[in-house]
Amino acid sequence: MGKIINSIRTNIIHKTIPKHSIAKRQLLKLARKLNRIDPPAPRHEHSWIENHISGFTDVSPMPQEAVFIHTLRALEFYLQWHLGNFGNHIGNDYVMVEGVRSILEGLETFLNGELGRLDAGTVSNLIWELRREHKIGPED
């Protein structure tokens, strides 16, 4: 039964999260963590992982989840487009990086509020992975 659930969870991640996204890598890593738990731990010990995955993969997320999910997906899509179109990371664009940095800082502020099923530490890590991958350092 556990293998079937794990397979379903992984398939949902593959079908709902854009290919090559940081969020997809992060969610698959969390799903693998759940898959490796043997014998299964009591459900409540890892329910935050299941909740986080559900929040990110739900086709109609709660409004407080949607702020993060849709903004991060759109921003990552734009950052990938910028890299492909201009051949450099947005961190090297001294004009556009300020706008992206402001968006990420805004999301970091929202981490102090209600997140629905999302885990604040995991979302924070996702934001820092976006910063690292696209060379968006802290404001100088």
N, C-alpha and C. Protein backbone atom coordinates (compact mmCIF):
# COMPACT_ATOMS: atom_id res chain seq x y z
N MET A 1 0.82 -1.19 0.00
CA MET A 1 0.00 0.00 0.00
C MET A 1 0.86 1.26 0.00
N GLY A 2 1.95 1.27 0.80
CA GLY A 2 2.83 2.42 0.87
C GLY A 2 3.48 2.74 -0.45
N LYS A 3 3.88 1.69 -1.21
CA LYS A 3 4.52 1.92 -2.51
C LYS A 3 3.54 2.55 -3.50
N ILE A 4 2.28 2.17 -3.43
CA ILE A 4 1.28 2.74 -4.32
C ILE A 4 1.10 4.22 -4.01
N ILE A 5 0.99 4.55 -2.73
CA ILE A 5 0.83 5.95 -2.33
C ILE A 5 2.05 6.77 -2.75
N ASN A 6 3.24 6.21 -2.54
CA ASN A 6 4.46 6.91 -2.94
C ASN A 6 4.50 7.15 -4.44
N SER A 7 4.08 6.17 -5.21
CA SER A 7 4.05 6.29 -6.66
C SER A 7 3.05 7.36 -7.09
N ILE A 8 1.89 7.37 -6.48
CA ILE A 8 0.86 8.37 -6.79
C ILE A 8 1.39 9.77 -6.46
N ARG A 9 2.00 9.91 -5.29
CA ARG A 9 2.54 11.21 -4.87
C ARG A 9 3.58 11.70 -5.88
N THR A 10 4.48 10.84 -6.29
CA THR A 10 5.52 11.21 -7.25
C THR A 10 4.91 11.58 -8.60
N ASN A 11 3.92 10.83 -9.06
CA ASN A 11 3.26 11.14 -10.33
C ASN A 11 2.56 12.49 -10.28
N ILE A 12 1.93 12.80 -9.16
CA ILE A 12 1.26 14.10 -9.02
C ILE A 12 2.29 15.23 -9.12
N ILE A 13 3.43 15.06 -8.48
CA ILE A 13 4.48 16.08 -8.56
C ILE A 13 4.93 16.26 -10.00
N HIS A 14 5.16 15.15 -10.70
CA HIS A 14 5.62 15.25 -12.09
C HIS A 14 4.58 15.92 -12.98
N LYS A 15 3.30 15.69 -12.73
CA LYS A 15 2.25 16.23 -13.59
C LYS A 15 1.90 17.67 -13.28
N THR A 16 2.09 18.13 -12.04
CA THR A 16 1.61 19.46 -11.67
C THR A 16 2.70 20.52 -11.57
N ILE A 17 3.95 20.12 -11.43
CA ILE A 17 5.03 21.10 -11.25
C ILE A 17 5.83 21.18 -12.55
N PRO A 18 6.12 22.39 -13.02
CA PRO A 18 6.85 22.54 -14.29
C PRO A 18 8.19 21.81 -14.29
N LYS A 19 8.52 21.26 -15.45
CA LYS A 19 9.77 20.53 -15.65
C LYS A 19 10.95 21.45 -15.36
N HIS A 20 11.99 20.92 -14.79
CA HIS A 20 13.25 21.61 -14.48
C HIS A 20 13.10 22.73 -13.45
N SER A 21 12.04 22.76 -12.68
CA SER A 21 11.89 23.83 -11.70
C SER A 21 12.55 23.42 -10.38
N ILE A 22 12.98 24.43 -9.65
CA ILE A 22 13.58 24.19 -8.33
C ILE A 22 12.55 23.57 -7.41
N ALA A 23 11.30 24.02 -7.51
CA ALA A 23 10.24 23.48 -6.66
C ALA A 23 10.06 21.99 -6.91
N LYS A 24 10.13 21.58 -8.17
CA LYS A 24 9.96 20.16 -8.50
C LYS A 24 11.09 19.34 -7.88
N ARG A 25 12.32 19.82 -8.00
CA ARG A 25 13.45 19.10 -7.39
C ARG A 25 13.27 18.98 -5.89
N GLN A 26 12.83 20.07 -5.26
CA GLN A 26 12.64 20.08 -3.82
C GLN A 26 11.53 19.12 -3.39
N LEU A 27 10.40 19.14 -4.10
CA LEU A 27 9.27 18.27 -3.74
C LEU A 27 9.61 16.80 -3.97
N LEU A 28 10.32 16.50 -5.04
CA LEU A 28 10.72 15.11 -5.28
C LEU A 28 11.68 14.62 -4.20
N LYS A 29 12.56 15.51 -3.74
CA LYS A 29 13.47 15.16 -2.65
C LYS A 29 12.69 14.84 -1.37
N LEU A 30 11.67 15.66 -1.08
CA LEU A 30 10.83 15.40 0.10
C LEU A 30 10.06 14.10 -0.06
N ALA A 31 9.55 13.83 -1.27
CA ALA A 31 8.82 12.59 -1.51
C ALA A 31 9.73 11.38 -1.32
N ARG A 32 10.97 11.49 -1.80
CA ARG A 32 11.93 10.38 -1.61
C ARG A 32 12.20 10.16 -0.13
N LYS A 33 12.25 11.26 0.63
CA LYS A 33 12.46 11.14 2.08
C LYS A 33 11.32 10.33 2.70
N LEU A 34 10.09 10.63 2.29
CA LEU A 34 8.95 9.85 2.80
C LEU A 34 9.04 8.40 2.36
N ASN A 35 9.48 8.17 1.14
CA ASN A 35 9.57 6.80 0.61
C ASN A 35 10.60 5.96 1.36
N ARG A 36 11.65 6.59 1.88
CA ARG A 36 12.73 5.85 2.56
C ARG A 36 12.41 5.47 3.99
N ILE A 37 11.37 6.04 4.55
CA ILE A 37 11.05 5.78 5.96
C ILE A 37 10.55 4.34 6.07
N ASP A 38 11.36 3.51 6.70
CA ASP A 38 11.03 2.09 6.82
C ASP A 38 11.54 1.59 8.16
N PRO A 39 10.71 1.11 9.04
CA PRO A 39 9.26 1.02 8.90
C PRO A 39 8.66 2.41 8.94
N PRO A 40 7.47 2.53 8.40
CA PRO A 40 6.84 3.85 8.39
C PRO A 40 6.71 4.41 9.79
N ALA A 41 7.08 5.69 9.93
CA ALA A 41 6.94 6.38 11.22
C ALA A 41 5.46 6.69 11.43
N PRO A 42 5.10 6.96 12.66
CA PRO A 42 3.71 7.39 12.87
C PRO A 42 3.39 8.56 11.95
N ARG A 43 2.21 8.54 11.41
CA ARG A 43 1.81 9.51 10.38
C ARG A 43 2.09 10.96 10.79
N HIS A 44 1.86 11.31 12.02
CA HIS A 44 2.01 12.70 12.44
C HIS A 44 3.45 13.20 12.39
N GLU A 45 4.43 12.30 12.45
CA GLU A 45 5.83 12.73 12.45
C GLU A 45 6.26 13.35 11.13
N HIS A 46 5.67 12.95 10.04
CA HIS A 46 6.08 13.46 8.73
C HIS A 46 4.91 14.08 7.98
N SER A 47 3.84 14.42 8.70
CA SER A 47 2.67 14.98 8.02
C SER A 47 2.98 16.33 7.40
N TRP A 48 3.96 17.07 7.94
CA TRP A 48 4.31 18.37 7.36
C TRP A 48 4.80 18.19 5.93
N ILE A 49 5.52 17.11 5.65
CA ILE A 49 6.00 16.86 4.29
C ILE A 49 4.82 16.61 3.36
N GLU A 50 3.91 15.75 3.79
CA GLU A 50 2.74 15.46 2.98
C GLU A 50 1.90 16.72 2.76
N ASN A 51 1.73 17.52 3.81
CA ASN A 51 0.98 18.76 3.69
C ASN A 51 1.65 19.72 2.71
N HIS A 52 2.96 19.85 2.80
CA HIS A 52 3.71 20.75 1.91
C HIS A 52 3.57 20.31 0.45
N ILE A 53 3.75 19.02 0.22
CA ILE A 53 3.61 18.50 -1.15
C ILE A 53 2.18 18.73 -1.65
N SER A 54 1.20 18.47 -0.80
CA SER A 54 -0.20 18.69 -1.19
C SER A 54 -0.47 20.15 -1.50
N GLY A 55 0.07 21.04 -0.69
CA GLY A 55 -0.13 22.46 -0.93
C GLY A 55 0.44 22.91 -2.27
N PHE A 56 1.59 22.38 -2.63
CA PHE A 56 2.24 22.77 -3.88
C PHE A 56 1.61 22.12 -5.11
N THR A 57 1.01 20.95 -4.94
CA THR A 57 0.51 20.22 -6.11
C THR A 57 -1.00 20.31 -6.28
N ASP A 58 -1.70 20.88 -5.32
CA ASP A 58 -3.16 21.00 -5.41
C ASP A 58 -3.51 21.93 -6.57
N VAL A 59 -4.47 21.51 -7.41
CA VAL A 59 -4.85 22.35 -8.55
C VAL A 59 -5.59 23.62 -8.12
N SER A 60 -6.19 23.63 -6.95
CA SER A 60 -6.77 24.86 -6.42
C SER A 60 -6.27 25.07 -5.00
N PRO A 61 -5.08 25.64 -4.89
CA PRO A 61 -4.51 25.86 -3.55
C PRO A 61 -5.31 26.91 -2.78
N MET A 62 -5.15 26.88 -1.48
CA MET A 62 -5.77 27.90 -0.64
C MET A 62 -5.15 29.26 -1.00
N PRO A 63 -5.88 30.36 -0.80
CA PRO A 63 -5.34 31.68 -1.19
C PRO A 63 -3.97 31.98 -0.60
N GLN A 64 -3.76 31.63 0.66
CA GLN A 64 -2.48 31.92 1.28
C GLN A 64 -1.35 31.07 0.69
N GLU A 65 -1.67 29.92 0.14
CA GLU A 65 -0.67 29.09 -0.55
C GLU A 65 -0.43 29.62 -1.95
N ALA A 66 -1.50 30.07 -2.58
CA ALA A 66 -1.42 30.53 -3.97
C ALA A 66 -0.45 31.70 -4.13
N VAL A 67 -0.36 32.57 -3.13
CA VAL A 67 0.58 33.70 -3.19
C VAL A 67 1.99 33.18 -3.48
N PHE A 68 2.40 32.16 -2.75
CA PHE A 68 3.75 31.62 -2.92
C PHE A 68 3.87 30.79 -4.20
N ILE A 69 2.94 29.88 -4.39
CA ILE A 69 3.04 28.93 -5.50
C ILE A 69 3.04 29.65 -6.83
N HIS A 70 2.08 30.51 -7.07
CA HIS A 70 1.97 31.17 -8.37
C HIS A 70 3.08 32.19 -8.59
N THR A 71 3.43 32.93 -7.54
CA THR A 71 4.49 33.92 -7.68
C THR A 71 5.83 33.24 -7.94
N LEU A 72 6.13 32.20 -7.19
CA LEU A 72 7.41 31.50 -7.39
C LEU A 72 7.47 30.83 -8.76
N ARG A 73 6.38 30.22 -9.19
CA ARG A 73 6.37 29.58 -10.52
C ARG A 73 6.57 30.62 -11.62
N ALA A 74 5.84 31.73 -11.53
CA ALA A 74 5.96 32.77 -12.56
C ALA A 74 7.35 33.39 -12.55
N LEU A 75 7.87 33.65 -11.37
CA LEU A 75 9.20 34.24 -11.27
C LEU A 75 10.27 33.29 -11.80
N GLU A 76 10.17 32.03 -11.44
CA GLU A 76 11.16 31.07 -11.94
C GLU A 76 11.06 30.94 -13.46
N PHE A 77 9.85 30.94 -13.99
CA PHE A 77 9.65 30.90 -15.44
C PHE A 77 10.33 32.10 -16.10
N TYR A 78 10.14 33.29 -15.52
CA TYR A 78 10.76 34.49 -16.07
C TYR A 78 12.28 34.42 -15.97
N LEU A 79 12.80 33.97 -14.84
CA LEU A 79 14.26 33.88 -14.67
C LEU A 79 14.88 32.91 -15.68
N GLN A 80 14.20 31.79 -15.93
CA GLN A 80 14.69 30.84 -16.94
C GLN A 80 14.63 31.45 -18.33
N TRP A 81 13.53 32.18 -18.61
CA TRP A 81 13.41 32.85 -19.90
C TRP A 81 14.52 33.87 -20.08
N HIS A 82 14.78 34.66 -19.05
CA HIS A 82 15.84 35.69 -19.11
C HIS A 82 17.19 35.05 -19.39
N LEU A 83 17.48 33.97 -18.70
CA LEU A 83 18.75 33.27 -18.90
C LEU A 83 18.86 32.76 -20.34
N GLY A 84 17.81 32.14 -20.83
CA GLY A 84 17.82 31.61 -22.19
C GLY A 84 17.85 32.70 -23.26
N ASN A 85 17.14 33.79 -23.01
CA ASN A 85 17.03 34.86 -24.01
C ASN A 85 18.28 35.75 -24.06
N PHE A 86 18.85 36.05 -22.91
CA PHE A 86 19.99 36.97 -22.86
C PHE A 86 21.32 36.28 -22.58
N GLY A 87 21.26 35.00 -22.21
CA GLY A 87 22.50 34.25 -21.98
C GLY A 87 23.22 34.59 -20.69
N ASN A 88 22.56 35.31 -19.79
CA ASN A 88 23.19 35.57 -18.49
C ASN A 88 22.11 35.56 -17.40
N HIS A 89 22.56 35.38 -16.19
CA HIS A 89 21.65 35.35 -15.05
C HIS A 89 21.14 36.75 -14.76
N ILE A 90 19.95 36.81 -14.22
CA ILE A 90 19.36 38.11 -13.90
C ILE A 90 20.19 38.87 -12.88
N GLY A 91 20.95 38.14 -12.08
CA GLY A 91 21.83 38.79 -11.11
C GLY A 91 22.87 39.67 -11.77
N ASN A 92 23.16 39.43 -13.04
CA ASN A 92 24.13 40.25 -13.78
C ASN A 92 23.48 41.47 -14.43
N ASP A 93 22.16 41.55 -14.39
CA ASP A 93 21.42 42.67 -14.97
C ASP A 93 21.12 43.65 -13.84
N TYR A 94 21.88 44.73 -13.80
CA TYR A 94 21.82 45.64 -12.64
C TYR A 94 20.50 46.39 -12.52
N VAL A 95 19.68 46.39 -13.55
CA VAL A 95 18.38 47.04 -13.48
C VAL A 95 17.32 46.03 -13.04
N MET A 96 17.22 44.91 -13.75
CA MET A 96 16.16 43.93 -13.50
C MET A 96 16.34 43.20 -12.16
N VAL A 97 17.56 43.04 -11.72
CA VAL A 97 17.79 42.30 -10.48
C VAL A 97 17.11 42.98 -9.29
N GLU A 98 17.00 44.30 -9.33
CA GLU A 98 16.36 45.01 -8.21
C GLU A 98 14.89 44.65 -8.09
N GLY A 99 14.20 44.54 -9.22
CA GLY A 99 12.79 44.15 -9.20
C GLY A 99 12.60 42.73 -8.69
N VAL A 100 13.45 41.83 -9.16
CA VAL A 100 13.36 40.43 -8.73
C VAL A 100 13.69 40.32 -7.24
N ARG A 101 14.71 41.05 -6.82
CA ARG A 101 15.08 41.04 -5.40
C ARG A 101 13.91 41.53 -4.54
N SER A 102 13.21 42.57 -4.99
CA SER A 102 12.06 43.09 -4.25
C SER A 102 10.95 42.05 -4.13
N ILE A 103 10.69 41.33 -5.21
CA ILE A 103 9.66 40.28 -5.18
C ILE A 103 10.04 39.20 -4.17
N LEU A 104 11.30 38.76 -4.21
CA LEU A 104 11.74 37.71 -3.29
C LEU A 104 11.70 38.20 -1.84
N GLU A 105 12.08 39.44 -1.61
CA GLU A 105 12.02 39.98 -0.25
C GLU A 105 10.57 40.08 0.22
N GLY A 106 9.66 40.42 -0.68
CA GLY A 106 8.24 40.45 -0.33
C GLY A 106 7.73 39.08 0.08
N LEU A 107 8.13 38.07 -0.69
CA LEU A 107 7.73 36.70 -0.35
C LEU A 107 8.31 36.29 1.00
N GLU A 108 9.55 36.69 1.26
CA GLU A 108 10.16 36.37 2.56
C GLU A 108 9.38 37.01 3.71
N THR A 109 8.85 38.20 3.48
CA THR A 109 8.03 38.86 4.50
C THR A 109 6.75 38.06 4.74
N PHE A 110 6.14 37.58 3.65
CA PHE A 110 4.92 36.78 3.76
C PHE A 110 5.15 35.48 4.53
N LEU A 111 6.38 35.01 4.62
CA LEU A 111 6.66 33.79 5.36
C LEU A 111 6.29 33.92 6.84
N ASN A 112 6.17 35.15 7.32
CA ASN A 112 5.79 35.38 8.72
C ASN A 112 4.29 35.28 8.93
N GLY A 113 3.53 35.12 7.85
CA GLY A 113 2.07 35.04 7.95
C GLY A 113 1.57 33.62 7.82
N GLU A 114 0.32 33.50 7.48
CA GLU A 114 -0.34 32.19 7.33
C GLU A 114 0.06 31.58 5.98
N LEU A 115 0.52 30.33 6.02
CA LEU A 115 1.00 29.67 4.80
C LEU A 115 0.13 28.50 4.36
N GLY A 116 -0.96 28.25 5.05
CA GLY A 116 -1.78 27.09 4.71
C GLY A 116 -1.00 25.81 5.00
N ARG A 117 -0.90 24.94 4.03
CA ARG A 117 -0.21 23.65 4.22
C ARG A 117 1.28 23.74 3.95
N LEU A 118 1.75 24.88 3.47
CA LEU A 118 3.16 25.00 3.11
C LEU A 118 4.02 25.13 4.36
N ASP A 119 5.24 24.62 4.27
CA ASP A 119 6.20 24.70 5.35
C ASP A 119 7.09 25.91 5.12
N ALA A 120 7.16 26.83 6.08
CA ALA A 120 7.90 28.08 5.92
C ALA A 120 9.39 27.84 5.65
N GLY A 121 9.99 26.91 6.37
CA GLY A 121 11.42 26.63 6.17
C GLY A 121 11.70 26.10 4.78
N THR A 122 10.82 25.28 4.28
CA THR A 122 11.00 24.70 2.94
C THR A 122 10.80 25.76 1.87
N VAL A 123 9.82 26.64 2.04
CA VAL A 123 9.60 27.73 1.08
C VAL A 123 10.78 28.69 1.13
N SER A 124 11.28 28.99 2.33
CA SER A 124 12.44 29.86 2.47
C SER A 124 13.64 29.28 1.74
N ASN A 125 13.83 27.97 1.87
CA ASN A 125 14.92 27.30 1.16
C ASN A 125 14.74 27.41 -0.35
N LEU A 126 13.52 27.29 -0.81
CA LEU A 126 13.23 27.41 -2.24
C LEU A 126 13.59 28.81 -2.74
N ILE A 127 13.26 29.83 -1.96
CA ILE A 127 13.59 31.21 -2.33
C ILE A 127 15.10 31.38 -2.41
N TRP A 128 15.82 30.82 -1.43
CA TRP A 128 17.29 30.94 -1.45
C TRP A 128 17.91 30.15 -2.59
N GLU A 129 17.30 29.04 -2.96
CA GLU A 129 17.78 28.29 -4.12
C GLU A 129 17.61 29.11 -5.40
N LEU A 130 16.49 29.81 -5.53
CA LEU A 130 16.29 30.71 -6.68
C LEU A 130 17.36 31.79 -6.70
N ARG A 131 17.61 32.37 -5.53
CA ARG A 131 18.66 33.40 -5.43
C ARG A 131 20.02 32.84 -5.86
N ARG A 132 20.36 31.68 -5.35
CA ARG A 132 21.66 31.08 -5.64
C ARG A 132 21.78 30.73 -7.13
N GLU A 133 20.76 30.07 -7.66
CA GLU A 133 20.84 29.59 -9.03
C GLU A 133 20.89 30.73 -10.05
N HIS A 134 20.27 31.85 -9.72
CA HIS A 134 20.23 32.98 -10.67
C HIS A 134 21.09 34.15 -10.23
N LYS A 135 21.99 33.89 -9.27
CA LYS A 135 22.99 34.87 -8.82
C LYS A 135 22.36 36.18 -8.32
N ILE A 136 21.32 36.02 -7.50
CA ILE A 136 20.65 37.18 -6.91
C ILE A 136 21.06 37.26 -5.45
N GLY A 137 22.12 38.00 -5.20
CA GLY A 137 22.63 38.11 -3.83
C GLY A 137 21.82 39.10 -3.03
N PRO A 138 22.16 39.24 -1.77
CA PRO A 138 21.47 40.25 -0.95
C PRO A 138 21.81 41.64 -1.48
N GLU A 139 20.96 42.58 -1.14
CA GLU A 139 21.15 43.95 -1.61
C GLU A 139 22.50 44.48 -1.11
N ASP A 140 23.20 45.16 -2.00
CA ASP A 140 24.53 45.70 -1.64
C ASP A 140 24.40 46.97 -0.84
